[in-house]
Protein backbone atom coordinates (compact mmCIF):
# COMPACT_ATOMS: atom_id res chain seq x y z
CA MET A 1 5.86 25.30 177.22
CA PRO A 2 5.05 28.20 174.91
CA ASN A 3 3.83 30.49 177.56
CA LEU A 4 7.14 29.63 179.62
CA LEU A 5 9.49 30.73 176.45
CA HIS A 6 7.39 34.00 176.37
CA ARG A 7 8.09 35.03 180.26
CA LEU A 8 11.47 34.40 179.36
CA ILE A 9 12.00 36.27 176.36
CA ASP A 10 9.94 39.27 177.89
CA MET A 11 12.25 39.16 181.54
CA LEU A 12 14.95 39.08 178.65
CA LYS A 13 13.45 42.33 177.49
CA VAL A 14 13.34 43.92 180.54
CA PHE A 15 16.81 43.06 181.17
CA ASN A 16 18.26 44.38 177.94
CA ALA A 17 16.32 47.58 178.54
CA VAL A 18 17.79 47.97 182.01
CA PHE A 19 21.13 46.67 180.45
CA LEU A 20 21.53 49.70 178.02
CA HIS A 21 19.76 52.12 180.12
CA GLY A 22 21.93 52.19 183.10
CA LYS A 23 24.98 50.79 181.81
CA ASN A 24 25.54 50.42 178.09
CA SER A 25 23.79 54.16 177.19
CA ARG A 26 26.28 55.67 179.51
CA LEU A 27 29.61 54.78 178.01
CA LYS A 28 28.08 55.32 174.64
CA ASP A 29 26.57 58.90 175.95
CA THR A 30 30.45 59.49 176.65
CA GLN A 31 31.29 58.89 173.02
CA ALA A 32 28.64 60.79 172.22
CA ASP A 33 29.41 63.97 173.20
CA HIS A 34 32.98 64.37 170.73
CA SER A 35 30.31 63.25 168.28
CA SER A 36 30.22 66.50 166.62
CA LEU A 37 33.87 66.67 166.03
CA ASP A 38 33.55 65.82 162.36
CA SER A 39 31.42 68.49 161.44
CA ASP A 40 32.41 71.37 163.88
CA HIS A 41 36.22 70.94 163.26
CA ASN A 42 37.28 68.23 160.91
CA SER A 43 36.37 67.89 156.62
CA LEU A 44 34.35 64.91 156.94
CA ASP A 45 36.69 63.34 154.46
CA SER A 46 40.48 64.84 155.54
CA ALA A 47 41.04 62.98 158.28
CA GLN A 48 44.76 60.96 157.49
CA PRO A 49 44.79 57.44 157.09
CA SER A 50 46.01 55.60 160.89
CA TYR A 51 48.72 53.10 160.14
CA PHE A 52 47.11 50.24 160.88
CA LEU A 53 45.08 51.21 157.61
CA LYS A 54 48.53 52.00 156.07
CA ASN A 55 49.52 48.30 156.91
CA LEU A 56 46.61 46.78 155.62
CA GLN A 57 45.72 43.73 153.29
CA GLN A 58 42.64 43.95 151.19
CA ILE A 59 39.88 43.66 153.40
CA GLY A 60 37.08 44.32 151.52
CA TYR A 61 35.91 45.93 147.98
CA PHE A 62 34.54 48.98 146.50
CA ALA A 63 30.89 49.54 144.87
CA ASP A 64 32.38 49.23 141.43
CA GLY A 65 34.19 45.86 142.56
CA THR A 66 37.77 47.56 143.16
CA PRO A 67 39.53 45.85 145.86
CA LEU A 68 39.77 47.74 148.77
CA THR A 69 43.49 48.68 150.18
CA PRO A 70 45.47 51.05 150.93
CA GLN A 71 46.27 52.59 147.29
CA THR A 72 42.49 52.36 146.39
CA PHE A 73 41.33 54.14 149.59
CA GLU A 74 43.98 56.38 149.03
CA ALA A 75 43.11 57.44 145.13
CA TRP A 76 39.58 57.45 146.64
CA ARG A 77 40.81 60.20 149.04
CA LYS A 78 41.92 62.09 146.44
CA LEU A 79 39.25 62.55 144.78
CA LYS A 80 36.72 66.13 145.05
CA ALA A 81 33.91 65.76 146.83
CA ALA A 82 31.07 65.87 143.84
CA GLU A 83 33.15 63.13 142.41
CA LYS A 84 32.11 61.14 145.52
CA ILE A 85 29.34 62.11 145.55
CA LYS A 86 28.22 61.36 141.89
CA ARG A 87 29.83 57.94 142.72
CA ASN A 88 27.43 57.38 146.40
CA SER A 89 24.23 58.28 144.41
CA ALA A 90 25.24 55.69 141.79
CA CYS A 91 25.19 53.08 144.64
CA LEU A 92 22.49 54.39 146.41
CA GLN A 93 20.57 54.46 143.24
CA GLN A 94 21.56 50.97 142.01
CA LYS A 95 20.56 49.26 146.23
CA LEU A 96 18.34 51.27 147.63
CA VAL A 97 15.37 49.66 148.72
CA ARG A 98 13.12 52.66 147.85
CA TRP A 99 9.52 53.72 150.01
CA GLY A 100 7.45 52.25 147.91
CA SER A 101 9.18 48.94 148.25
CA LEU A 102 8.92 48.76 151.87
CA VAL A 103 5.17 50.02 152.01
CA ASP A 104 4.48 46.71 149.25
CA LYS A 105 6.47 44.18 151.49
CA PRO A 106 7.53 45.63 154.87
CA LEU A 107 10.72 43.61 156.14
CA ARG A 108 10.53 41.03 158.62
CA LEU A 109 14.77 39.91 158.31
CA ARG A 110 17.75 40.71 160.60
CA PRO A 111 20.74 41.99 158.96
CA GLY A 112 22.13 39.28 156.47
CA GLY A 113 19.89 40.79 153.26
CA HIS A 114 20.14 44.31 154.01
CA TYR A 115 22.41 46.74 155.66
CA TYR A 116 20.84 49.35 157.54
CA VAL A 117 22.72 53.15 157.42
CA PHE A 118 21.77 55.76 159.87
CA LEU A 119 22.71 59.14 158.38
CA HIS A 120 22.63 60.91 162.20
CA ILE A 121 22.53 64.60 161.59
CA PRO A 122 23.45 66.24 164.90
CA LYS A 123 20.91 67.28 167.43
CA ALA A 124 17.65 66.04 165.70
CA GLY A 125 16.75 63.15 167.73
CA GLY A 126 19.25 60.57 166.48
CA THR A 127 21.59 59.30 169.31
CA THR A 128 18.27 58.29 170.90
CA LEU A 129 17.42 56.33 168.16
CA GLU A 130 20.70 55.23 167.51
CA HIS A 131 20.10 52.97 171.38
CA ILE A 132 16.70 52.13 169.76
CA ILE A 133 18.60 50.69 166.95
CA ALA A 134 20.96 48.94 168.68
CA LYS A 135 17.98 47.22 171.01
CA ASN A 136 16.47 45.25 167.88
CA TYR A 137 19.49 43.58 166.23
CA LEU A 138 22.22 41.92 167.82
CA PRO A 139 25.61 43.57 169.42
CA HIS A 140 28.01 42.40 166.47
CA GLN A 141 25.78 43.44 163.58
CA CYS A 142 26.09 46.98 164.98
CA ILE A 143 28.47 49.89 164.60
CA HIS A 144 28.57 53.42 165.59
CA ALA A 145 30.91 55.65 163.81
CA ASN A 146 31.68 58.94 162.45
CA ALA A 147 32.76 59.66 158.80
CA ALA A 148 35.88 60.75 160.13
CA ALA A 149 37.00 57.91 161.87
CA ILE A 150 35.77 55.76 158.84
CA THR A 151 38.63 57.40 157.07
CA GLN A 152 41.38 57.13 159.24
CA ASN A 153 40.42 53.32 159.30
CA PRO A 154 37.68 51.89 157.13
CA SER A 155 38.36 48.63 158.23
CA MET A 156 36.68 49.42 161.39
CA ILE A 157 33.25 48.75 160.17
CA PHE A 158 34.10 45.44 158.26
CA HIS A 159 33.47 41.90 160.06
CA ALA A 160 36.71 40.24 161.06
CA GLU A 161 35.85 37.10 159.99
CA LEU A 162 33.33 37.43 157.08
CA GLY A 163 35.18 40.01 155.08
CA HIS A 164 32.08 42.19 154.66
CA PRO A 165 30.72 45.67 156.58
CA ARG A 166 28.65 44.95 159.30
CA GLY A 167 24.46 44.77 158.83
CA VAL A 168 23.80 47.92 161.04
CA LEU A 169 25.77 51.33 160.98
CA MET A 170 25.30 54.31 162.09
CA GLY A 171 26.99 57.44 162.94
CA HIS A 172 27.32 61.16 161.45
CA TYR A 173 28.08 60.67 157.85
CA GLN A 174 27.16 62.63 154.85
CA ARG A 175 26.44 61.75 151.29
CA SER A 176 30.58 61.97 150.26
CA SER A 177 31.34 59.61 153.19
CA VAL A 178 32.93 56.27 151.72
CA LEU A 179 30.76 54.24 153.66
CA TYR A 180 28.68 53.90 150.97
CA GLN A 181 31.28 52.64 149.11
CA PHE A 182 31.70 49.34 150.96
CA LEU A 183 27.64 48.54 150.53
CA GLY A 184 27.43 46.99 147.19
CA ASP A 185 27.22 43.36 147.82
CA ARG A 186 23.36 43.86 149.83
CA SER A 187 20.64 46.04 149.24
CA ILE A 188 20.26 49.43 151.87
CA ILE A 189 18.01 50.77 153.73
CA HIS A 190 18.77 54.19 153.96
CA PHE A 191 16.99 56.25 156.36
CA THR A 192 17.43 59.73 158.40
CA MET A 193 15.94 62.06 160.94
CA LEU A 194 15.51 66.08 160.42
CA ARG A 195 14.49 68.59 162.79
CA ASP A 196 12.97 72.28 162.78
CA PRO A 197 15.79 74.14 161.51
CA ILE A 198 15.44 77.16 164.28
CA GLN A 199 15.29 74.48 167.29
CA ARG A 200 17.96 72.50 165.84
CA VAL A 201 20.42 75.07 165.90
CA ILE A 202 19.36 76.53 169.31
CA SER A 203 19.81 73.00 170.49
CA HIS A 204 23.38 72.58 169.16
CA PHE A 205 24.03 75.58 170.82
CA ASN A 206 22.80 75.05 174.29
CA TYR A 207 24.61 71.78 173.95
CA THR A 208 28.26 73.28 173.62
CA LYS A 209 27.82 75.74 176.08
CA THR A 210 26.61 72.75 178.67
CA ARG A 211 28.81 69.74 177.90
CA SER A 212 32.43 70.42 179.25
CA ASN A 213 34.13 67.62 177.20
CA HIS A 214 32.60 69.06 173.66
CA PRO A 215 35.66 70.19 171.57
CA LEU A 216 33.34 73.23 171.03
CA ASN A 217 32.62 74.23 174.78
CA GLU A 218 35.87 76.49 175.63
CA LYS A 219 35.05 78.69 172.35
CA VAL A 220 31.10 78.90 172.60
CA LYS A 221 30.86 78.94 176.88
CA ASP A 222 30.86 82.55 176.78
CA TRP A 223 28.68 83.10 173.77
CA THR A 224 25.47 84.63 173.40
CA LEU A 225 23.03 83.19 170.74
CA GLU A 226 24.15 86.12 168.80
CA ASP A 227 27.80 85.55 168.51
CA TYR A 228 27.15 81.95 167.68
CA ALA A 229 24.50 83.00 164.80
CA GLN A 230 27.26 84.87 163.51
CA SER A 231 29.93 82.64 163.95
CA ASP A 232 31.34 80.60 161.34
CA ILE A 233 30.92 76.86 163.09
CA LYS A 234 29.18 74.58 160.78
CA GLU A 235 26.41 73.37 162.40
CA LEU A 236 24.52 76.97 162.06
CA GLN A 237 24.36 77.42 158.40
CA ASN A 238 21.85 75.13 156.19
CA ASN A 239 23.66 72.01 157.72
CA GLN A 240 20.68 69.42 157.06
CA THR A 241 20.58 70.33 153.55
CA LEU A 242 24.36 69.74 153.32
CA ARG A 243 24.74 67.02 154.69
CA LEU A 244 22.11 65.08 152.78
CA LEU A 245 24.06 66.74 149.43
CA GLY A 246 26.96 65.58 150.49
CA ASP A 247 29.45 68.18 151.12
CA CYS A 248 29.37 70.46 154.86
CA SER A 249 32.40 72.58 152.99
CA GLN A 250 32.32 75.96 153.97
CA LYS A 251 32.65 76.60 150.23
CA MET A 252 29.47 74.77 149.87
CA ALA A 253 27.61 76.72 152.90
CA GLN A 254 28.59 79.68 150.90
CA GLN A 255 26.98 78.62 147.86
CA SER A 256 23.60 77.81 150.02
CA LEU A 257 22.84 81.21 150.13
CA ASP A 258 24.18 82.84 147.12
CA ASN A 259 22.78 80.43 144.76
CA PRO A 260 19.73 78.38 146.74
CA ALA A 261 17.56 77.35 144.49
CA SER A 262 19.53 75.02 142.85
CA LEU A 263 20.63 73.28 145.34
CA LEU A 264 16.77 73.06 147.15
CA ILE A 265 16.05 71.17 144.57
CA GLU A 266 18.66 68.01 144.60
CA ALA A 267 18.36 68.37 147.86
CA LYS A 268 14.37 67.43 148.49
CA LYS A 269 15.34 64.75 145.24
CA VAL A 270 17.79 63.45 147.71
CA LEU A 271 15.15 63.36 150.40
CA ALA A 272 12.64 61.76 148.88
CA ASN A 273 14.93 59.37 146.03
CA GLU A 274 18.09 58.24 148.12
CA PHE A 275 16.55 57.52 151.67
CA SER A 276 14.14 54.69 152.01
CA LEU A 277 12.33 56.17 155.36
CA PHE A 278 13.25 59.70 156.70
CA GLY A 279 12.00 60.80 160.89
CA LEU A 280 10.95 64.01 162.24
CA THR A 281 11.61 64.93 165.61
CA GLU A 282 8.63 66.62 166.48
CA ARG A 283 6.39 63.78 165.00
CA TYR A 284 9.55 61.35 166.83
CA SER A 285 6.37 58.80 167.95
CA GLU A 286 5.06 58.69 164.17
CA PHE A 287 8.21 57.85 163.18
CA LEU A 288 8.42 54.88 165.23
CA ILE A 289 5.14 53.53 165.07
CA MET A 290 6.24 53.71 160.94
CA ALA A 291 9.88 51.95 161.16
CA SER A 292 8.11 49.02 163.23
CA LYS A 293 5.81 48.47 161.13
CA LEU A 294 8.70 49.00 157.91
CA LEU A 295 11.83 47.27 159.25
CA GLY A 296 10.13 45.14 162.32
CA TRP A 297 11.58 46.71 165.24
CA GLN A 298 9.89 45.09 168.33
CA ASP A 299 11.00 47.16 170.70
CA ILE A 300 10.81 51.14 169.85
CA PHE A 301 10.74 52.11 173.46
CA TYR A 302 12.55 54.57 175.16
CA VAL A 303 14.08 57.57 176.92
CA ARG A 304 15.93 60.88 175.81
CA LYS A 305 19.61 60.57 175.66
CA ASN A 306 22.76 63.64 174.57
CA THR A 307 20.71 65.73 176.10
CA SER A 308 22.06 69.55 177.16
CA LYS A 309 22.79 69.43 180.48
CA ARG A 310 21.85 72.07 183.12
CA SER A 311 24.02 72.89 185.81
CA ARG A 312 22.78 72.70 189.31
CA ARG A 313 24.28 76.36 190.16
CA SER A 314 22.97 77.82 186.84
CA THR A 315 20.89 77.48 184.36
CA ARG A 316 22.56 77.65 181.22
CA ILE A 317 20.18 76.25 178.55
CA ILE A 318 18.35 78.89 177.20
CA GLU A 319 15.23 78.18 175.68
CA ALA A 320 14.14 79.92 172.43
CA ALA A 321 11.65 82.40 173.95
CA GLN A 322 14.60 83.80 175.50
CA PHE A 323 16.25 85.27 172.26
CA SER A 324 16.36 88.30 171.17
CA ALA A 325 13.89 88.44 167.44
CA ALA A 326 17.52 89.78 166.14
CA ALA A 327 19.73 86.47 167.26
CA LEU A 328 16.24 84.60 165.50
CA GLN A 329 16.12 86.30 162.43
CA MET A 330 20.04 85.77 162.06
CA ILE A 331 19.69 82.09 162.19
CA CYS A 332 16.62 82.18 159.97
CA ASP A 333 18.52 83.86 157.13
CA ARG A 334 21.34 81.32 157.82
CA ASN A 335 19.23 78.47 157.24
CA GLN A 336 16.64 79.68 154.41
CA LEU A 337 17.39 76.13 152.57
CA ASP A 338 17.10 73.96 155.60
CA LEU A 339 13.65 75.91 156.44
CA GLN A 340 12.10 75.13 153.25
CA LEU A 341 13.55 71.39 152.73
CA TYR A 342 11.86 70.86 156.46
CA ALA A 343 8.48 72.10 155.50
CA TYR A 344 9.01 70.23 152.08
CA ALA A 345 9.57 67.08 154.39
CA GLN A 346 6.57 67.93 156.54
CA ASP A 347 4.42 67.75 154.02
CA LEU A 348 6.17 64.27 152.62
CA PHE A 349 5.78 62.79 155.79
CA GLN A 350 2.36 63.19 156.57
CA GLN A 351 1.34 61.95 153.15
CA ARG A 352 3.42 58.53 153.89
CA TRP A 353 1.68 58.20 157.34
CA GLN A 354 -1.50 58.16 155.46
CA GLN A 355 -0.68 55.86 153.07
CA LEU A 356 0.04 53.25 155.84
CA GLY A 357 -3.03 53.87 157.60
CA LEU A 358 -1.72 55.10 160.62
CA ASN A 359 -3.84 57.02 162.76
CA GLU A 360 -3.59 58.98 166.13
CA ALA A 361 -4.93 56.64 168.33
CA SER A 362 -1.84 54.47 167.79
CA VAL A 363 0.09 57.08 168.62
CA GLU A 364 -2.06 57.71 171.77
CA LYS A 365 -1.65 53.78 172.74
CA TYR A 366 2.37 53.99 172.05
CA GLU A 367 3.12 56.79 174.28
CA LEU A 368 1.12 55.68 176.67
CA LEU A 369 3.06 51.97 176.90
CA ASN A 370 6.13 54.62 176.77
CA ALA A 371 5.90 56.64 179.54
CA ASN A 372 5.23 53.25 181.40
CA TYR A 373 8.57 52.03 179.96
CA LYS A 374 9.96 55.01 181.16
CA ALA A 375 8.21 55.00 184.56
CA MET A 376 9.58 51.57 185.29
CA LEU A 377 13.35 52.25 184.17
CA GLU A 378 12.87 55.00 186.77
CA GLU A 379 12.14 52.65 189.55
CA VAL A 380 14.74 49.66 188.33
CA ASP A 381 16.94 52.77 188.98
CA VAL A 382 17.03 52.65 192.51
CA LEU A 383 17.96 49.02 192.80
CA PHE A 384 21.88 49.96 191.03
């Protein structure tokens, strides 16, 4: 009987992988095409509350115990960004499961005892990671919702019957998002992914140029990188640092150029002390192995999602080596904070990797298994 049960579990895993790859992933990719809308066009907390919210009864509580009603939510919306960040930081400081605690006692629990919150920075490998996360938890426990959508309708992240937020929350947020105010009743596993700033900006440039349904496509489709590098698009300028700090406004972006030292110190503190763990796109395999060890993820196999598309008629994706030195320098000049933060993150990630006692052999073994997984899905695709 145990062998039969194990075979059944293996079959279900394969079916799950095929189903996610063949159907759900395409559905989610459609949603992901617009995932940068909140960061490219909107202030993350500026969306107007929906009609549904205006007629809403109490559905939950803020972190300080205040009932969540249309009136108290409107009061939150009127707070200045600095006050929102202060309150959310206090919530995280109180409820966060810190790195050291994870190392001492890795988790083997499903949602119920914790909230799992993935702060998805655009073009840092997050859409692929969201698919991996979703494979490790039950569907009703997971939700992908960006900050602007939650601002319009905060009830969307709550269980209708249970009256508390879903256990696994994923989307484009920043530290000032109201999302964190709803998580006061459990401990929080908070994580994110960072990417080499130059590569991330180039990836965002290519992505917006090659996705016809992206909100910025019409604006940038005929741009050069030089045009892009001189624009006011928020993703261009120290956006990883600003998301961690909690304010992606144009005012804060300018401050990141005029007075960077204090912002960099604060961003490093946030990364080290307000996230349970974090990953680097360049060390994707290592992060997945780390998450499997610390969070109990059993299925960490994947194929890449939400990548830039190459036109059949012409190759529109441009690699870094094809850009002029002047264009790349402009990007560097506008991302000095991100570059310094990323250097710090690389060192911290390496320290933590070594602390777990993991090695290159485990990475090679995992990547071989993942290559086999991708090959299997390619063969299965022929059947559908």
